[in-house]
Amino acid sequence: MAAPDILQAIVALAVFVFCIVVHENAHGLVAEYFGDPTARQMGRITMNPLPHVDLFGSVIVPLIAYFSGMLFGWAKPVPVNSANLRNPVVHNAYVAAAGPASNFLLAILATLLYIVVILVYQNVDGLEVGRGNTFLFFKTICGNLIQINCILAIFNLLPIPPLDGHWILMRYLPEPYRGMLASIRPYGFMILIVLMMTRTLSMLIGPPYMFIVNGLYKLIGLAAAL
């Protein structure tokens, strides 16, 4: 494996860890807003990655996924005591949606930062000529932030336990079907691993991912043409 590839993998993994930490903090902050301080009390509302990182979901799976062409994974779930929420069914869905929403927001912010960097390098005298490694650094960071956050958001919206999408779906399912969805929670990780190993997961994530990322890069291209 060439040195630039190793460096790219390290940058991607670092960005991934940052994104999942933001994702988990979003869950905890929204849960706290709706009445559940459990995450705060257990020290899970923090940008320190150590309380959030799961060896399997945050390191091993992302590395395997990265070399298969798509970086995704998960962190330790933020503890939420539904009994503390003012309206458990509704607010559980909001808490779950906060994670993917934070990733989409980060992707948008990274897109805006990328546009600002391009415009600065194009319009500030002297920067365009000698931009070299500095511009490549910003390009790499912004590109990883856009792509990884879009993957994480779409991945977590899948309605498979324990992903956020299944909690959002629980909000809208009639009571008998909620029980059916809840019953497969013990097998959720096994289902995800099978989907990943058969590349079905990439097929599910790929189309919406390409649609959103291509749209964001089109905005960047339009800005670069100014």
C-alpha atoms as a PDB file:
ATOM      1  CA  MET A   1       0.000   0.000   0.000  1.00  0.00           C
ATOM      2  CA  ALA A   2       1.538   3.338  -1.075  1.00  0.00           C
ATOM      3  CA  ALA A   3       2.269   6.098   1.453  1.00  0.00           C
ATOM      4  CA  PRO A   4      -0.323   8.523   0.002  1.00  0.00           C
ATOM      5  CA  ASP A   5      -2.971   5.791   0.324  1.00  0.00           C
ATOM      6  CA  ILE A   6      -2.025   5.169   3.944  1.00  0.00           C
ATOM      7  CA  LEU A   7      -2.186   8.913   4.666  1.00  0.00           C
ATOM      8  CA  GLN A   8      -5.591   9.136   2.974  1.00  0.00           C
ATOM      9  CA  ALA A   9      -6.854   6.204   5.075  1.00  0.00           C
ATOM     10  CA  ILE A  10      -5.601   7.851   8.291  1.00  0.00           C
ATOM     11  CA  VAL A  11      -7.247  11.185   7.381  1.00  0.00           C
ATOM     12  CA  ALA A  12     -10.493   9.426   6.485  1.00  0.00           C
ATOM     13  CA  LEU A  13     -10.524   7.475   9.758  1.00  0.00           C
ATOM     14  CA  ALA A  14      -9.802  10.650  11.782  1.00  0.00           C
ATOM     15  CA  VAL A  15     -12.624  12.502  10.013  1.00  0.00           C
ATOM     16  CA  PHE A  16     -14.906   9.500  10.544  1.00  0.00           C
ATOM     17  CA  VAL A  17     -14.236   9.484  14.302  1.00  0.00           C
ATOM     18  CA  PHE A  18     -14.916  13.238  14.495  1.00  0.00           C
ATOM     19  CA  CYS A  19     -18.206  12.780  12.621  1.00  0.00           C
ATOM     20  CA  ILE A  20     -19.490   9.955  14.801  1.00  0.00           C
ATOM     21  CA  VAL A  21     -18.591  11.934  17.941  1.00  0.00           C
ATOM     22  CA  VAL A  22     -20.669  14.874  16.669  1.00  0.00           C
ATOM     23  CA  HIS A  23     -23.432  12.399  15.761  1.00  0.00           C
ATOM     24  CA  GLU A  24     -23.543  10.923  19.269  1.00  0.00           C
ATOM     25  CA  ASN A  25     -23.385  14.333  20.945  1.00  0.00           C
ATOM     26  CA  ALA A  26     -26.398  15.384  18.875  1.00  0.00           C
ATOM     27  CA  HIS A  27     -28.365  12.421  20.247  1.00  0.00           C
ATOM     28  CA  GLY A  28     -27.407  13.303  23.805  1.00  0.00           C
ATOM     29  CA  LEU A  29     -28.152  17.013  23.489  1.00  0.00           C
ATOM     30  CA  VAL A  30     -31.599  16.449  21.963  1.00  0.00           C
ATOM     31  CA  ALA A  31     -32.425  13.831  24.607  1.00  0.00           C
ATOM     32  CA  GLU A  32     -31.420  16.339  27.275  1.00  0.00           C
ATOM     33  CA  TYR A  33     -33.586  19.007  25.633  1.00  0.00           C
ATOM     34  CA  PHE A  34     -36.615  16.710  25.838  1.00  0.00           C
ATOM     35  CA  GLY A  35     -36.032  15.826  29.484  1.00  0.00           C
ATOM     36  CA  ASP A  36     -33.486  13.002  29.689  1.00  0.00           C
ATOM     37  CA  PRO A  37     -30.122  13.971  31.279  1.00  0.00           C
ATOM     38  CA  THR A  38     -28.726  10.406  31.208  1.00  0.00           C
ATOM     39  CA  ALA A  39     -26.087  11.086  28.532  1.00  0.00           C
ATOM     40  CA  ARG A  40     -24.866  14.177  30.404  1.00  0.00           C
ATOM     41  CA  GLN A  41     -24.715  12.291  33.710  1.00  0.00           C
ATOM     42  CA  MET A  42     -22.724   9.454  32.116  1.00  0.00           C
ATOM     43  CA  GLY A  43     -20.196  11.784  30.496  1.00  0.00           C
ATOM     44  CA  ARG A  44     -21.335  11.078  26.944  1.00  0.00           C
ATOM     45  CA  ILE A  45     -21.909  14.690  25.907  1.00  0.00           C
ATOM     46  CA  THR A  46     -18.283  15.419  25.100  1.00  0.00           C
ATOM     47  CA  MET A  47     -16.080  15.867  22.041  1.00  0.00           C
ATOM     48  CA  ASN A  48     -13.529  13.508  23.601  1.00  0.00           C
ATOM     49  CA  PRO A  49     -13.775  10.484  21.273  1.00  0.00           C
ATOM     50  CA  LEU A  50     -12.762   7.871  23.870  1.00  0.00           C
ATOM     51  CA  PRO A  51     -16.184   7.523  25.587  1.00  0.00           C
ATOM     52  CA  HIS A  52     -17.862   7.166  22.164  1.00  0.00           C
ATOM     53  CA  VAL A  53     -15.521   4.901  20.211  1.00  0.00           C
ATOM     54  CA  ASP A  54     -16.472   1.248  19.841  1.00  0.00           C
ATOM     55  CA  LEU A  55     -13.531  -0.952  18.799  1.00  0.00           C
ATOM     56  CA  PHE A  56     -15.615  -3.036  16.401  1.00  0.00           C
ATOM     57  CA  GLY A  57     -18.009  -0.428  14.988  1.00  0.00           C
ATOM     58  CA  SER A  58     -15.673   2.591  15.037  1.00  0.00           C
ATOM     59  CA  VAL A  59     -12.365   1.024  13.972  1.00  0.00           C
ATOM     60  CA  ILE A  60     -12.585  -2.512  12.549  1.00  0.00           C
ATOM     61  CA  VAL A  61     -15.765  -2.155  10.473  1.00  0.00           C
ATOM     62  CA  PRO A  62     -14.790   1.294   9.083  1.00  0.00           C
ATOM     63  CA  LEU A  63     -11.383  -0.028   7.993  1.00  0.00           C
ATOM     64  CA  ILE A  64     -12.963  -3.030   6.250  1.00  0.00           C
ATOM     65  CA  ALA A  65     -15.592  -0.771   4.687  1.00  0.00           C
ATOM     66  CA  TYR A  66     -12.970   1.795   3.579  1.00  0.00           C
ATOM     67  CA  PHE A  67     -11.055  -0.760   1.553  1.00  0.00           C
ATOM     68  CA  SER A  68     -14.309  -2.005   0.030  1.00  0.00           C
ATOM     69  CA  GLY A  69     -14.971   1.511  -1.296  1.00  0.00           C
ATOM     70  CA  MET A  70     -17.310   3.063   1.293  1.00  0.00           C
ATOM     71  CA  LEU A  71     -16.590   4.201   4.863  1.00  0.00           C
ATOM     72  CA  PHE A  72     -19.302   3.600   7.450  1.00  0.00           C
ATOM     73  CA  GLY A  73     -19.669   2.268  10.977  1.00  0.00           C
ATOM     74  CA  TRP A  74     -21.022   3.262  14.353  1.00  0.00           C
ATOM     75  CA  ALA A  75     -20.093   4.410  17.849  1.00  0.00           C
ATOM     76  CA  LYS A  76     -21.267   3.277  21.265  1.00  0.00           C
ATOM     77  CA  PRO A  77     -24.935   4.281  21.447  1.00  0.00           C
ATOM     78  CA  VAL A  78     -25.599   7.259  23.691  1.00  0.00           C
ATOM     79  CA  PRO A  79     -27.654   6.058  26.679  1.00  0.00           C
ATOM     80  CA  VAL A  80     -31.219   7.341  26.552  1.00  0.00           C
ATOM     81  CA  ASN A  81     -33.804   6.641  29.262  1.00  0.00           C
ATOM     82  CA  SER A  82     -37.103   6.933  27.403  1.00  0.00           C
ATOM     83  CA  ALA A  83     -38.990   7.148  30.699  1.00  0.00           C
ATOM     84  CA  ASN A  84     -37.476  10.606  31.244  1.00  0.00           C
ATOM     85  CA  LEU A  85     -38.667  11.933  27.882  1.00  0.00           C
ATOM     86  CA  ARG A  86     -41.804  14.022  28.014  1.00  0.00           C
ATOM     87  CA  ASN A  87     -43.388  12.103  25.124  1.00  0.00           C
ATOM     88  CA  PRO A  88     -41.328   8.895  24.717  1.00  0.00           C
ATOM     89  CA  VAL A  89     -42.630   7.685  21.329  1.00  0.00           C
ATOM     90  CA  VAL A  90     -42.393  11.075  19.628  1.00  0.00           C
ATOM     91  CA  HIS A  91     -39.239  12.297  21.358  1.00  0.00           C
ATOM     92  CA  ASN A  92     -37.374   9.004  20.796  1.00  0.00           C
ATOM     93  CA  ALA A  93     -37.814   9.664  17.075  1.00  0.00           C
ATOM     94  CA  TYR A  94     -36.471  13.214  17.450  1.00  0.00           C
ATOM     95  CA  VAL A  95     -33.474  11.955  19.447  1.00  0.00           C
ATOM     96  CA  ALA A  96     -32.772   9.353  16.762  1.00  0.00           C
ATOM     97  CA  ALA A  97     -33.149  11.846  13.897  1.00  0.00           C
ATOM     98  CA  ALA A  98     -30.698  14.262  15.549  1.00  0.00           C
ATOM     99  CA  GLY A  99     -27.720  12.056  14.677  1.00  0.00           C
ATOM    100  CA  PRO A 100     -28.241  11.864  10.898  1.00  0.00           C
ATOM    101  CA  ALA A 101     -29.351  15.511  10.875  1.00  0.00           C
ATOM    102  CA  SER A 102     -26.033  16.527  12.467  1.00  0.00           C
ATOM    103  CA  ASN A 103     -24.160  14.625   9.752  1.00  0.00           C
ATOM    104  CA  PHE A 104     -26.121  16.290   6.952  1.00  0.00           C
ATOM    105  CA  LEU A 105     -25.420  19.671   8.602  1.00  0.00           C
ATOM    106  CA  LEU A 106     -21.691  18.902   8.766  1.00  0.00           C
ATOM    107  CA  ALA A 107     -21.726  17.923   5.080  1.00  0.00           C
ATOM    108  CA  ILE A 108     -23.375  21.235   4.175  1.00  0.00           C
ATOM    109  CA  LEU A 109     -20.913  23.214   6.328  1.00  0.00           C
ATOM    110  CA  ALA A 110     -17.999  21.357   4.716  1.00  0.00           C
ATOM    111  CA  THR A 111     -19.414  22.235   1.292  1.00  0.00           C
ATOM    112  CA  LEU A 112     -19.591  25.912   2.250  1.00  0.00           C
ATOM    113  CA  LEU A 113     -16.040  25.783   3.635  1.00  0.00           C
ATOM    114  CA  TYR A 114     -14.833  24.159   0.396  1.00  0.00           C
ATOM    115  CA  ILE A 115     -16.477  26.960  -1.600  1.00  0.00           C
ATOM    116  CA  VAL A 116     -14.886  29.639   0.609  1.00  0.00           C
ATOM    117  CA  VAL A 117     -11.441  28.021   0.247  1.00  0.00           C
ATOM    118  CA  ILE A 118     -11.792  27.861  -3.553  1.00  0.00           C
ATOM    119  CA  LEU A 119     -12.896  31.492  -3.787  1.00  0.00           C
ATOM    120  CA  VAL A 120     -10.089  32.639  -1.497  1.00  0.00           C
ATOM    121  CA  TYR A 121      -7.449  30.794  -3.528  1.00  0.00           C
ATOM    122  CA  GLN A 122      -8.896  32.104  -6.780  1.00  0.00           C
ATOM    123  CA  ASN A 123      -9.194  35.724  -5.720  1.00  0.00           C
ATOM    124  CA  VAL A 124      -6.352  36.455  -3.307  1.00  0.00           C
ATOM    125  CA  ASP A 125      -3.180  37.487  -5.096  1.00  0.00           C
ATOM    126  CA  GLY A 126      -0.354  34.983  -4.797  1.00  0.00           C
ATOM    127  CA  LEU A 127      -2.393  32.105  -3.374  1.00  0.00           C
ATOM    128  CA  GLU A 128      -3.484  30.636  -6.717  1.00  0.00           C
ATOM    129  CA  VAL A 129       0.113  30.342  -7.933  1.00  0.00           C
ATOM    130  CA  GLY A 130       1.555  28.643  -4.855  1.00  0.00           C
ATOM    131  CA  ARG A 131      -1.455  26.868  -3.439  1.00  0.00           C
ATOM    132  CA  GLY A 132       0.108  23.373  -3.674  1.00  0.00           C
ATOM    133  CA  ASN A 133      -0.079  21.238  -0.539  1.00  0.00           C
ATOM    134  CA  THR A 134      -2.110  23.727   1.494  1.00  0.00           C
ATOM    135  CA  PHE A 135      -4.982  23.674  -0.979  1.00  0.00           C
ATOM    136  CA  LEU A 136      -4.710  19.876  -1.243  1.00  0.00           C
ATOM    137  CA  PHE A 137      -5.030  19.658   2.544  1.00  0.00           C
ATOM    138  CA  PHE A 138      -8.276  21.688   2.579  1.00  0.00           C
ATOM    139  CA  LYS A 139      -9.574  19.767  -0.426  1.00  0.00           C
ATOM    140  CA  THR A 140      -8.900  16.416   1.271  1.00  0.00           C
ATOM    141  CA  ILE A 141     -10.452  17.420   4.598  1.00  0.00           C
ATOM    142  CA  CYS A 142     -13.556  18.984   3.036  1.00  0.00           C
ATOM    143  CA  GLY A 143     -14.003  16.102   0.627  1.00  0.00           C
ATOM    144  CA  ASN A 144     -13.822  13.561   3.433  1.00  0.00           C
ATOM    145  CA  LEU A 145     -16.234  15.579   5.581  1.00  0.00           C
ATOM    146  CA  ILE A 146     -18.766  15.752   2.747  1.00  0.00           C
ATOM    147  CA  GLN A 147     -18.544  12.111   1.748  1.00  0.00           C
ATOM    148  CA  ILE A 148     -18.275  10.500   5.190  1.00  0.00           C
ATOM    149  CA  ASN A 149     -21.077  12.574   6.710  1.00  0.00           C
ATOM    150  CA  CYS A 150     -23.401  11.739   3.816  1.00  0.00           C
ATOM    151  CA  ILE A 151     -22.602   8.028   4.171  1.00  0.00           C
ATOM    152  CA  LEU A 152     -23.135   8.120   7.944  1.00  0.00           C
ATOM    153  CA  ALA A 153     -26.425   9.978   7.657  1.00  0.00           C
ATOM    154  CA  ILE A 154     -27.851   7.630   5.015  1.00  0.00           C
ATOM    155  CA  PHE A 155     -26.470   4.510   6.728  1.00  0.00           C
ATOM    156  CA  ASN A 156     -28.020   5.476  10.064  1.00  0.00           C
ATOM    157  CA  LEU A 157     -31.379   6.201   8.446  1.00  0.00           C
ATOM    158  CA  LEU A 158     -31.737   2.549   7.409  1.00  0.00           C
ATOM    159  CA  PRO A 159     -34.676   1.076   9.378  1.00  0.00           C
ATOM    160  CA  ILE A 160     -32.577  -1.744  10.843  1.00  0.00           C
ATOM    161  CA  PRO A 161     -31.989  -2.039  14.595  1.00  0.00           C
ATOM    162  CA  PRO A 162     -29.980  -0.583  16.249  1.00  0.00           C
ATOM    163  CA  LEU A 163     -29.662   2.203  13.636  1.00  0.00           C
ATOM    164  CA  ASP A 164     -31.479   5.513  14.064  1.00  0.00           C
ATOM    165  CA  GLY A 165     -33.833   4.793  11.179  1.00  0.00           C
ATOM    166  CA  HIS A 166     -35.618   2.049  13.082  1.00  0.00           C
ATOM    167  CA  TRP A 167     -36.361   4.419  15.995  1.00  0.00           C
ATOM    168  CA  ILE A 168     -37.747   6.980  13.573  1.00  0.00           C
ATOM    169  CA  LEU A 169     -39.869   4.296  11.897  1.00  0.00           C
ATOM    170  CA  MET A 170     -41.184   3.188  15.321  1.00  0.00           C
ATOM    171  CA  ARG A 171     -42.714   6.658  15.662  1.00  0.00           C
ATOM    172  CA  TYR A 172     -44.997   6.034  12.682  1.00  0.00           C
ATOM    173  CA  LEU A 173     -45.704   2.288  12.812  1.00  0.00           C
ATOM    174  CA  PRO A 174     -48.990   1.035  14.303  1.00  0.00           C
ATOM    175  CA  GLU A 175     -48.549  -0.697  17.661  1.00  0.00           C
ATOM    176  CA  PRO A 176     -48.466  -4.362  16.466  1.00  0.00           C
ATOM    177  CA  TYR A 177     -45.738  -3.590  13.930  1.00  0.00           C
ATOM    178  CA  ARG A 178     -43.619  -1.759  16.496  1.00  0.00           C
ATOM    179  CA  GLY A 179     -43.344  -5.018  18.419  1.00  0.00           C
ATOM    180  CA  MET A 180     -42.349  -6.900  15.281  1.00  0.00           C
ATOM    181  CA  LEU A 181     -39.581  -4.397  14.503  1.00  0.00           C
ATOM    182  CA  ALA A 182     -38.398  -4.402  18.127  1.00  0.00           C
ATOM    183  CA  SER A 183     -38.196  -8.199  18.099  1.00  0.00           C
ATOM    184  CA  ILE A 184     -35.339  -8.223  15.585  1.00  0.00           C
ATOM    185  CA  ARG A 185     -33.099  -5.931  17.685  1.00  0.00           C
ATOM    186  CA  PRO A 186     -30.986  -8.821  19.058  1.00  0.00           C
ATOM    187  CA  TYR A 187     -30.106  -9.746  15.462  1.00  0.00           C
ATOM    188  CA  GLY A 188     -29.511  -6.227  14.133  1.00  0.00           C
ATOM    189  CA  PHE A 189     -25.710  -6.316  14.069  1.00  0.00           C
ATOM    190  CA  MET A 190     -25.743  -9.741  12.439  1.00  0.00           C
ATOM    191  CA  ILE A 191     -28.094  -8.419   9.742  1.00  0.00           C
ATOM    192  CA  LEU A 192     -25.792  -5.436   9.132  1.00  0.00           C
ATOM    193  CA  ILE A 193     -22.704  -7.635   8.837  1.00  0.00           C
ATOM    194  CA  VAL A 194     -24.457  -9.945   6.352  1.00  0.00           C
ATOM    195  CA  LEU A 195     -25.606  -6.928   4.315  1.00  0.00           C
ATOM    196  CA  MET A 196     -22.075  -5.525   4.337  1.00  0.00           C
ATOM    197  CA  MET A 197     -20.374  -8.805   3.383  1.00  0.00           C
ATOM    198  CA  THR A 198     -22.816  -9.390   0.517  1.00  0.00           C
ATOM    199  CA  ARG A 199     -22.373  -5.758  -0.655  1.00  0.00           C
ATOM    200  CA  THR A 200     -26.134  -5.294  -0.296  1.00  0.00           C
ATOM    201  CA  LEU A 201     -25.437  -2.464   2.131  1.00  0.00           C
ATOM    202  CA  SER A 202     -23.468  -0.575  -0.516  1.00  0.00           C
ATOM    203  CA  MET A 203     -26.319  -1.086  -2.971  1.00  0.00           C
ATOM    204  CA  LEU A 204     -28.797   0.408  -0.478  1.00  0.00           C
ATOM    205  CA  ILE A 205     -26.611   3.360   0.467  1.00  0.00           C
ATOM    206  CA  GLY A 206     -25.065   4.024  -2.955  1.00  0.00           C
ATOM    207  CA  PRO A 207     -27.908   5.664  -4.945  1.00  0.00           C
ATOM    208  CA  PRO A 208     -29.004   8.252  -2.331  1.00  0.00           C
ATOM    209  CA  TYR A 209     -25.364   8.868  -1.424  1.00  0.00           C
ATOM    210  CA  MET A 210     -24.395   9.592  -5.033  1.00  0.00           C
ATOM    211  CA  PHE A 211     -27.437  11.831  -5.519  1.00  0.00           C
ATOM    212  CA  ILE A 212     -26.655  13.996  -2.475  1.00  0.00           C
ATOM    213  CA  VAL A 213     -22.864  14.108  -2.874  1.00  0.00           C
ATOM    214  CA  ASN A 214     -23.081  14.881  -6.597  1.00  0.00           C
ATOM    215  CA  GLY A 215     -25.484  17.704  -5.781  1.00  0.00           C
ATOM    216  CA  LEU A 216     -23.077  19.188  -3.227  1.00  0.00           C
ATOM    217  CA  TYR A 217     -20.139  18.918  -5.616  1.00  0.00           C
ATOM    218  CA  LYS A 218     -22.179  20.626  -8.322  1.00  0.00           C
ATOM    219  CA  LEU A 219     -22.598  23.571  -5.942  1.00  0.00           C
ATOM    220  CA  ILE A 220     -18.832  23.590  -5.422  1.00  0.00           C
ATOM    221  CA  GLY A 221     -18.292  23.478  -9.190  1.00  0.00           C
ATOM    222  CA  LEU A 222     -20.653  26.409  -9.713  1.00  0.00           C
ATOM    223  CA  ALA A 223     -18.751  28.425  -7.108  1.00  0.00           C
ATOM    224  CA  ALA A 224     -15.422  27.570  -8.728  1.00  0.00           C
ATOM    225  CA  ALA A 225     -16.748  28.876 -12.043  1.00  0.00           C
ATOM    226  CA  LEU A 226     -17.525  32.306 -10.598  1.00  0.00           C
END
